[in-house]
PDB file of N, CA and C in Angstrom:
ATOM      1  N   MET A   1     165.899 154.163 109.850  1.00  0.00           N
ATOM      2  CA  MET A   1     165.009 155.142 109.881  1.00  0.00           C
ATOM      3  C   MET A   1     164.603 155.566 108.433  1.00  0.00           C
ATOM      4  N   THR A   2     163.398 155.715 108.155  1.00  0.00           N
ATOM      5  CA  THR A   2     162.851 156.024 106.846  1.00  0.00           C
ATOM      6  C   THR A   2     162.714 157.476 106.730  1.00  0.00           C
ATOM      7  N   SER A   3     163.234 158.111 105.662  1.00  0.00           N
ATOM      8  CA  SER A   3     163.037 159.507 105.469  1.00  0.00           C
ATOM      9  C   SER A   3     161.853 159.734 104.469  1.00  0.00           C
ATOM     10  N   VAL A   4     161.118 160.749 104.739  1.00  0.00           N
ATOM     11  CA  VAL A   4     159.936 161.053 103.948  1.00  0.00           C
ATOM     12  C   VAL A   4     160.219 162.381 103.116  1.00  0.00           C
ATOM     13  N   HIS A   5     159.966 162.351 101.853  1.00  0.00           N
ATOM     14  CA  HIS A   5     160.257 163.491 101.048  1.00  0.00           C
ATOM     15  C   HIS A   5     158.919 163.884 100.356  1.00  0.00           C
ATOM     16  N   SER A   6     158.599 165.163 100.328  1.00  0.00           N
ATOM     17  CA  SER A   6     157.401 165.680  99.654  1.00  0.00           C
ATOM     18  C   SER A   6     157.741 165.667  98.138  1.00  0.00           C
ATOM     19  N   ILE A   7     156.791 165.359  97.337  1.00  0.00           N
ATOM     20  CA  ILE A   7     156.981 165.424  95.871  1.00  0.00           C
ATOM     21  C   ILE A   7     156.176 166.642  95.444  1.00  0.00           C
ATOM     22  N   LEU A   8     156.922 167.640  94.980  1.00  0.00           N
ATOM     23  CA  LEU A   8     156.301 168.991  94.723  1.00  0.00           C
ATOM     24  C   LEU A   8     155.968 169.042  93.208  1.00  0.00           C
ATOM     25  N   ALA A   9     155.360 168.060  92.674  1.00  0.00           N
ATOM     26  CA  ALA A   9     154.948 168.059  91.251  1.00  0.00           C
ATOM     27  C   ALA A   9     153.724 167.184  91.118  1.00  0.00           C
ATOM     28  N   ASP A  10     152.904 167.430  90.205  1.00  0.00           N
ATOM     29  CA  ASP A  10     151.682 166.599  89.983  1.00  0.00           C
ATOM     30  C   ASP A  10     152.025 165.307  89.245  1.00  0.00           C
ATOM     31  N   VAL A  11     153.203 165.262  88.546  1.00  0.00           N
ATOM     32  CA  VAL A  11     153.584 164.201  87.787  1.00  0.00           C
ATOM     33  C   VAL A  11     154.978 163.694  88.184  1.00  0.00           C
ATOM     34  N   SER A  12     155.196 162.431  88.256  1.00  0.00           N
ATOM     35  CA  SER A  12     156.540 161.938  88.586  1.00  0.00           C
ATOM     36  C   SER A  12     156.851 160.796  87.636  1.00  0.00           C
ATOM     37  N   ALA A  13     158.192 160.525  87.529  1.00  0.00           N
ATOM     38  CA  ALA A  13     158.679 159.420  86.705  1.00  0.00           C
ATOM     39  C   ALA A  13     159.940 158.897  87.292  1.00  0.00           C
ATOM     40  N   GLY A  14     160.207 157.719  87.011  1.00  0.00           N
ATOM     41  CA  GLY A  14     161.447 156.986  87.455  1.00  0.00           C
ATOM     42  C   GLY A  14     162.604 157.477  86.613  1.00  0.00           C
ATOM     43  N   ILE A  15     163.776 157.299  87.152  1.00  0.00           N
ATOM     44  CA  ILE A  15     165.022 157.575  86.411  1.00  0.00           C
ATOM     45  C   ILE A  15     165.182 156.695  85.160  1.00  0.00           C
ATOM     46  N   SER A  16     164.802 155.443  85.263  1.00  0.00           N
ATOM     47  CA  SER A  16     164.939 154.557  84.127  1.00  0.00           C
ATOM     48  C   SER A  16     163.944 154.962  83.062  1.00  0.00           C
ATOM     49  N   GLU A  17     162.725 155.479  83.359  1.00  0.00           N
ATOM     50  CA  GLU A  17     161.824 155.900  82.402  1.00  0.00           C
ATOM     51  C   GLU A  17     162.374 157.165  81.657  1.00  0.00           C
ATOM     52  N   LEU A  18     163.014 158.048  82.503  1.00  0.00           N
ATOM     53  CA  LEU A  18     163.619 159.299  81.921  1.00  0.00           C
ATOM     54  C   LEU A  18     164.658 158.944  80.937  1.00  0.00           C
ATOM     55  N   LYS A  19     165.483 157.921  81.279  1.00  0.00           N
ATOM     56  CA  LYS A  19     166.564 157.490  80.360  1.00  0.00           C
ATOM     57  C   LYS A  19     166.002 156.935  79.051  1.00  0.00           C
ATOM     58  N   LYS A  20     164.945 156.199  79.181  1.00  0.00           N
ATOM     59  CA  LYS A  20     164.392 155.570  77.924  1.00  0.00           C
ATOM     60  C   LYS A  20     163.825 156.621  76.964  1.00  0.00           C
ATOM     61  N   ASN A  21     163.062 157.606  77.592  1.00  0.00           N
ATOM     62  CA  ASN A  21     162.442 158.543  76.643  1.00  0.00           C
ATOM     63  C   ASN A  21     162.218 159.867  77.348  1.00  0.00           C
ATOM     64  N   PRO A  22     163.257 160.779  77.486  1.00  0.00           N
ATOM     65  CA  PRO A  22     163.226 161.938  78.199  1.00  0.00           C
ATOM     66  C   PRO A  22     162.111 162.946  77.683  1.00  0.00           C
ATOM     67  N   MET A  23     161.908 163.094  76.432  1.00  0.00           N
ATOM     68  CA  MET A  23     160.904 163.999  75.922  1.00  0.00           C
ATOM     69  C   MET A  23     159.469 163.559  76.238  1.00  0.00           C
ATOM     70  N   SER A  24     159.262 162.239  76.324  1.00  0.00           N
ATOM     71  CA  SER A  24     158.003 161.711  76.722  1.00  0.00           C
ATOM     72  C   SER A  24     157.602 162.075  78.149  1.00  0.00           C
ATOM     73  N   VAL A  25     158.687 161.900  79.068  1.00  0.00           N
ATOM     74  CA  VAL A  25     158.526 162.298  80.439  1.00  0.00           C
ATOM     75  C   VAL A  25     158.179 163.691  80.537  1.00  0.00           C
ATOM     76  N   ILE A  26     158.887 164.565  79.911  1.00  0.00           N
ATOM     77  CA  ILE A  26     158.612 166.036  79.969  1.00  0.00           C
ATOM     78  C   ILE A  26     157.201 166.306  79.458  1.00  0.00           C
ATOM     79  N   ALA A  27     156.796 165.716  78.402  1.00  0.00           N
ATOM     80  CA  ALA A  27     155.434 165.881  77.801  1.00  0.00           C
ATOM     81  C   ALA A  27     154.351 165.502  78.750  1.00  0.00           C
ATOM     82  N   GLN A  28     154.622 164.493  79.578  1.00  0.00           N
ATOM     83  CA  GLN A  28     153.616 164.097  80.602  1.00  0.00           C
ATOM     84  C   GLN A  28     153.302 165.204  81.631  1.00  0.00           C
ATOM     85  N   GLY A  29     154.232 166.040  81.790  1.00  0.00           N
ATOM     86  CA  GLY A  29     154.036 167.220  82.769  1.00  0.00           C
ATOM     87  C   GLY A  29     153.144 168.305  82.178  1.00  0.00           C
ATOM     88  N   GLU A  30     152.856 168.256  80.956  1.00  0.00           N
ATOM     89  CA  GLU A  30     152.103 169.324  80.214  1.00  0.00           C
ATOM     90  C   GLU A  30     152.491 170.678  80.608  1.00  0.00           C
ATOM     91  N   GLY A  31     153.824 170.937  80.504  1.00  0.00           N
ATOM     92  CA  GLY A  31     154.350 172.340  80.739  1.00  0.00           C
ATOM     93  C   GLY A  31     154.734 172.581  82.252  1.00  0.00           C
ATOM     94  N   ALA A  32     154.386 171.658  83.088  1.00  0.00           N
ATOM     95  CA  ALA A  32     154.791 171.797  84.541  1.00  0.00           C
ATOM     96  C   ALA A  32     155.973 170.928  84.818  1.00  0.00           C
ATOM     97  N   PRO A  33     156.667 171.195  85.915  1.00  0.00           N
ATOM     98  CA  PRO A  33     157.812 170.356  86.304  1.00  0.00           C
ATOM     99  C   PRO A  33     157.365 168.872  86.579  1.00  0.00           C
ATOM    100  N   VAL A  34     158.327 167.979  86.267  1.00  0.00           N
ATOM    101  CA  VAL A  34     158.133 166.556  86.586  1.00  0.00           C
ATOM    102  C   VAL A  34     159.141 166.137  87.647  1.00  0.00           C
ATOM    103  N   ALA A  35     158.673 165.465  88.651  1.00  0.00           N
ATOM    104  CA  ALA A  35     159.606 164.966  89.692  1.00  0.00           C
ATOM    105  C   ALA A  35     160.166 163.608  89.145  1.00  0.00           C
ATOM    106  N   ILE A  36     161.503 163.578  89.252  1.00  0.00           N
ATOM    107  CA  ILE A  36     162.187 162.420  88.790  1.00  0.00           C
ATOM    108  C   ILE A  36     162.626 161.676  90.118  1.00  0.00           C
ATOM    109  N   LEU A  37     162.187 160.363  90.128  1.00  0.00           N
ATOM    110  CA  LEU A  37     162.467 159.578  91.311  1.00  0.00           C
ATOM    111  C   LEU A  37     163.471 158.481  91.182  1.00  0.00           C
ATOM    112  N   ASN A  38     164.179 158.289  92.192  1.00  0.00           N
ATOM    113  CA  ASN A  38     165.073 157.147  92.336  1.00  0.00           C
ATOM    114  C   ASN A  38     164.771 156.415  93.561  1.00  0.00           C
ATOM    115  N   ARG A  39     164.352 155.113  93.364  1.00  0.00           N
ATOM    116  CA  ARG A  39     163.978 154.322  94.480  1.00  0.00           C
ATOM    117  C   ARG A  39     162.693 155.015  95.265  1.00  0.00           C
ATOM    118  N   ASN A  40     161.838 155.551  94.587  1.00  0.00           N
ATOM    119  CA  ASN A  40     160.630 156.182  95.082  1.00  0.00           C
ATOM    120  C   ASN A  40     160.870 157.517  95.865  1.00  0.00           C
ATOM    121  N   GLU A  41     162.120 158.089  95.703  1.00  0.00           N
ATOM    122  CA  GLU A  41     162.389 159.352  96.374  1.00  0.00           C
ATOM    123  C   GLU A  41     162.797 160.369  95.275  1.00  0.00           C
ATOM    124  N   PRO A  42     162.271 161.578  95.428  1.00  0.00           N
ATOM    125  CA  PRO A  42     162.613 162.574  94.383  1.00  0.00           C
ATOM    126  C   PRO A  42     164.121 162.959  94.459  1.00  0.00           C
ATOM    127  N   VAL A  43     164.761 162.959  93.258  1.00  0.00           N
ATOM    128  CA  VAL A  43     166.190 163.298  93.209  1.00  0.00           C
ATOM    129  C   VAL A  43     166.389 164.610  92.458  1.00  0.00           C
ATOM    130  N   PHE A  44     165.472 164.911  91.564  1.00  0.00           N
ATOM    131  CA  PHE A  44     165.494 166.267  90.928  1.00  0.00           C
ATOM    132  C   PHE A  44     164.140 166.475  90.234  1.00  0.00           C
ATOM    133  N   TYR A  45     163.998 167.636  89.698  1.00  0.00           N
ATOM    134  CA  TYR A  45     162.817 168.069  88.905  1.00  0.00           C
ATOM    135  C   TYR A  45     163.254 168.368  87.518  1.00  0.00           C
ATOM    136  N   ALA A  46     162.587 167.765  86.557  1.00  0.00           N
ATOM    137  CA  ALA A  46     162.756 168.198  85.171  1.00  0.00           C
ATOM    138  C   ALA A  46     161.763 169.364  84.933  1.00  0.00           C
ATOM    139  N   VAL A  47     162.340 170.504  84.641  1.00  0.00           N
ATOM    140  CA  VAL A  47     161.554 171.752  84.457  1.00  0.00           C
ATOM    141  C   VAL A  47     161.602 172.226  83.020  1.00  0.00           C
ATOM    142  N   PRO A  48     160.454 172.236  82.368  1.00  0.00           N
ATOM    143  CA  PRO A  48     160.526 172.747  80.928  1.00  0.00           C
ATOM    144  C   PRO A  48     160.963 174.183  80.883  1.00  0.00           C
ATOM    145  N   ALA A  49     161.593 174.565  79.793  1.00  0.00           N
ATOM    146  CA  ALA A  49     162.202 175.907  79.594  1.00  0.00           C
ATOM    147  C   ALA A  49     161.173 176.999  79.914  1.00  0.00           C
ATOM    148  N   ASP A  50     159.932 176.912  79.445  1.00  0.00           N
ATOM    149  CA  ASP A  50     158.989 178.037  79.732  1.00  0.00           C
ATOM    150  C   ASP A  50     158.781 178.187  81.256  1.00  0.00           C
ATOM    151  N   ALA A  51     158.608 177.011  81.910  1.00  0.00           N
ATOM    152  CA  ALA A  51     158.326 177.051  83.363  1.00  0.00           C
ATOM    153  C   ALA A  51     159.526 177.621  84.115  1.00  0.00           C
ATOM    154  N   TYR A  52     160.740 177.268  83.673  1.00  0.00           N
ATOM    155  CA  TYR A  52     161.959 177.789  84.271  1.00  0.00           C
ATOM    156  C   TYR A  52     162.077 179.294  84.109  1.00  0.00           C
ATOM    157  N   GLU A  53     161.737 179.772  82.864  1.00  0.00           N
ATOM    158  CA  GLU A  53     161.880 181.195  82.629  1.00  0.00           C
ATOM    159  C   GLU A  53     160.846 181.987  83.420  1.00  0.00           C
ATOM    160  N   ALA A  54     159.692 181.415  83.563  1.00  0.00           N
ATOM    161  CA  ALA A  54     158.613 182.101  84.384  1.00  0.00           C
ATOM    162  C   ALA A  54     159.067 182.104  85.896  1.00  0.00           C
ATOM    163  N   LEU A  55     159.702 181.084  86.345  1.00  0.00           N
ATOM    164  CA  LEU A  55     160.222 180.995  87.723  1.00  0.00           C
ATOM    165  C   LEU A  55     161.263 182.111  87.919  1.00  0.00           C
ATOM    166  N   ILE A  56     162.192 182.204  86.971  1.00  0.00           N
ATOM    167  CA  ILE A  56     163.261 183.209  87.084  1.00  0.00           C
ATOM    168  C   ILE A  56     162.702 184.580  87.083  1.00  0.00           C
ATOM    169  N   ASP A  57     161.712 184.815  86.171  1.00  0.00           N
ATOM    170  CA  ASP A  57     161.028 186.146  86.206  1.00  0.00           C
ATOM    171  C   ASP A  57     160.375 186.499  87.488  1.00  0.00           C
ATOM    172  N   LYS A  58     159.740 185.540  88.161  1.00  0.00           N
ATOM    173  CA  LYS A  58     159.143 185.744  89.442  1.00  0.00           C
ATOM    174  C   LYS A  58     160.151 186.094  90.522  1.00  0.00           C
ATOM    175  N   ILE A  59     161.258 185.338  90.506  1.00  0.00           N
ATOM    176  CA  ILE A  59     162.329 185.576  91.435  1.00  0.00           C
ATOM    177  C   ILE A  59     162.955 186.959  91.285  1.00  0.00           C
ATOM    178  N   GLU A  60     163.108 187.407  89.987  1.00  0.00           N
ATOM    179  CA  GLU A  60     163.570 188.739  89.726  1.00  0.00           C
ATOM    180  C   GLU A  60     162.589 189.877  90.272  1.00  0.00           C
ATOM    181  N   ASP A  61     161.247 189.602  90.059  1.00  0.00           N
ATOM    182  CA  ASP A  61     160.241 190.513  90.547  1.00  0.00           C
ATOM    183  C   ASP A  61     160.242 190.620  92.040  1.00  0.00           C
ATOM    184  N   LEU A  62     160.457 189.485  92.676  1.00  0.00           N
ATOM    185  CA  LEU A  62     160.486 189.511  94.170  1.00  0.00           C
ATOM    186  C   LEU A  62     161.762 190.314  94.680  1.00  0.00           C
ATOM    187  N   GLU A  63     162.863 190.062  93.949  1.00  0.00           N
ATOM    188  CA  GLU A  63     164.104 190.848  94.332  1.00  0.00           C
ATOM    189  C   GLU A  63     163.955 192.328  94.180  1.00  0.00           C
ATOM    190  N   LEU A  64     163.268 192.754  93.076  1.00  0.00           N
ATOM    191  CA  LEU A  64     163.037 194.131  92.735  1.00  0.00           C
ATOM    192  C   LEU A  64     161.981 194.698  93.856  1.00  0.00           C
ATOM    193  N   ALA A  65     161.007 193.884  94.239  1.00  0.00           N
ATOM    194  CA  ALA A  65     160.068 194.403  95.268  1.00  0.00           C
ATOM    195  C   ALA A  65     160.793 194.665  96.569  1.00  0.00           C
ATOM    196  N   VAL A  66     161.794 193.860  96.908  1.00  0.00           N
ATOM    197  CA  VAL A  66     162.611 194.075  98.171  1.00  0.00           C
ATOM    198  C   VAL A  66     163.310 195.427  98.024  1.00  0.00           C
ATOM    199  N   ILE A  67     163.953 195.721  96.900  1.00  0.00           N
ATOM    200  CA  ILE A  67     164.660 197.051  96.666  1.00  0.00           C
ATOM    201  C   ILE A  67     163.683 198.163  96.770  1.00  0.00           C
ATOM    202  N   VAL A  68     162.503 198.068  96.151  1.00  0.00           N
ATOM    203  CA  VAL A  68     161.494 199.109  96.225  1.00  0.00           C
ATOM    204  C   VAL A  68     161.098 199.370  97.645  1.00  0.00           C
ATOM    205  N   ARG A  69     160.752 198.334  98.397  1.00  0.00           N
ATOM    206  CA  ARG A  69     160.356 198.491  99.790  1.00  0.00           C
ATOM    207  C   ARG A  69     161.479 199.207 100.613  1.00  0.00           C
ATOM    208  N   ALA A  70     162.696 198.799 100.311  1.00  0.00           N
ATOM    209  CA  ALA A  70     163.858 199.457 101.090  1.00  0.00           C
ATOM    210  C   ALA A  70     164.055 200.895 100.790  1.00  0.00           C
ATOM    211  N   ARG A  71     163.603 201.287  99.567  1.00  0.00           N
ATOM    212  CA  ARG A  71     163.837 202.638  99.147  1.00  0.00           C
ATOM    213  C   ARG A  71     162.565 203.565  99.316  1.00  0.00           C
ATOM    214  N   MET A  72     161.496 203.047  99.788  1.00  0.00           N
ATOM    215  CA  MET A  72     160.286 203.755  99.884  1.00  0.00           C
ATOM    216  C   MET A  72     160.329 205.018 100.838  1.00  0.00           C
ATOM    217  N   ASP A  73     161.128 204.894 101.841  1.00  0.00           N
ATOM    218  CA  ASP A  73     161.160 205.968 102.845  1.00  0.00           C
ATOM    219  C   ASP A  73     162.355 206.908 102.566  1.00  0.00           C
ATOM    220  N   GLN A  74     163.076 206.737 101.533  1.00  0.00           N
ATOM    221  CA  GLN A  74     164.195 207.626 101.161  1.00  0.00           C
ATOM    222  C   GLN A  74     163.647 208.993 100.578  1.00  0.00           C
ATOM    223  N   PRO A  75     164.249 210.050 100.884  1.00  0.00           N
ATOM    224  CA  PRO A  75     163.884 211.350 100.343  1.00  0.00           C
ATOM    225  C   PRO A  75     163.953 211.342  98.837  1.00  0.00           C
ATOM    226  N   GLU A  76     163.027 212.047  98.213  1.00  0.00           N
ATOM    227  CA  GLU A  76     163.013 212.176  96.755  1.00  0.00           C
ATOM    228  C   GLU A  76     163.821 213.344  96.366  1.00  0.00           C
ATOM    229  N   THR A  77     164.437 213.240  95.210  1.00  0.00           N
ATOM    230  CA  THR A  77     165.249 214.318  94.603  1.00  0.00           C
ATOM    231  C   THR A  77     164.733 214.614  93.278  1.00  0.00           C
ATOM    232  N   GLU A  78     164.339 215.816  92.918  1.00  0.00           N
ATOM    233  CA  GLU A  78     163.857 216.182  91.627  1.00  0.00           C
ATOM    234  C   GLU A  78     164.998 216.573  90.745  1.00  0.00           C
ATOM    235  N   ILE A  79     164.981 216.037  89.502  1.00  0.00           N
ATOM    236  CA  ILE A  79     165.976 216.286  88.550  1.00  0.00           C
ATOM    237  C   ILE A  79     165.345 216.643  87.256  1.00  0.00           C
ATOM    238  N   ALA A  80     165.751 217.658  86.617  1.00  0.00           N
ATOM    239  CA  ALA A  80     165.234 218.058  85.288  1.00  0.00           C
ATOM    240  C   ALA A  80     165.865 217.171  84.246  1.00  0.00           C
ATOM    241  N   LEU A  81     165.139 216.808  83.254  1.00  0.00           N
ATOM    242  CA  LEU A  81     165.673 215.976  82.176  1.00  0.00           C
ATOM    243  C   LEU A  81     166.858 216.642  81.497  1.00  0.00           C
ATOM    244  N   ASP A  82     166.889 217.891  81.433  1.00  0.00           N
ATOM    245  CA  ASP A  82     168.024 218.639  80.792  1.00  0.00           C
ATOM    246  C   ASP A  82     169.333 218.499  81.564  1.00  0.00           C
ATOM    247  N   ASP A  83     169.103 218.122  82.865  1.00  0.00           N
ATOM    248  CA  ASP A  83     170.353 218.032  83.734  1.00  0.00           C
ATOM    249  C   ASP A  83     170.926 216.655  83.641  1.00  0.00           C
ATOM    250  N   LEU A  84     170.269 215.774  82.955  1.00  0.00           N
ATOM    251  CA  LEU A  84     170.856 214.409  82.800  1.00  0.00           C
ATOM    252  C   LEU A  84     171.811 214.277  81.758  1.00  0.00           C
TER     253      LEU A  84
END
């Protein structure tokens, strides 16, 4: 049975190409992740630091949005700054 895997990147490279010149492979992605293939199947994604940091920021924003939605219906409590 053959398994089919989606490649979730516009650029892909083989593992042997990555071993030969990793920075060249990353540069091919032009700032976006590069799918690394082994026997024509994706085994991992090489994600540049800027793209990874942006991804983490989005995840944190989504987590904060969940907290905000959960607290939207809670009663408000007014506190004077001098009381803090």
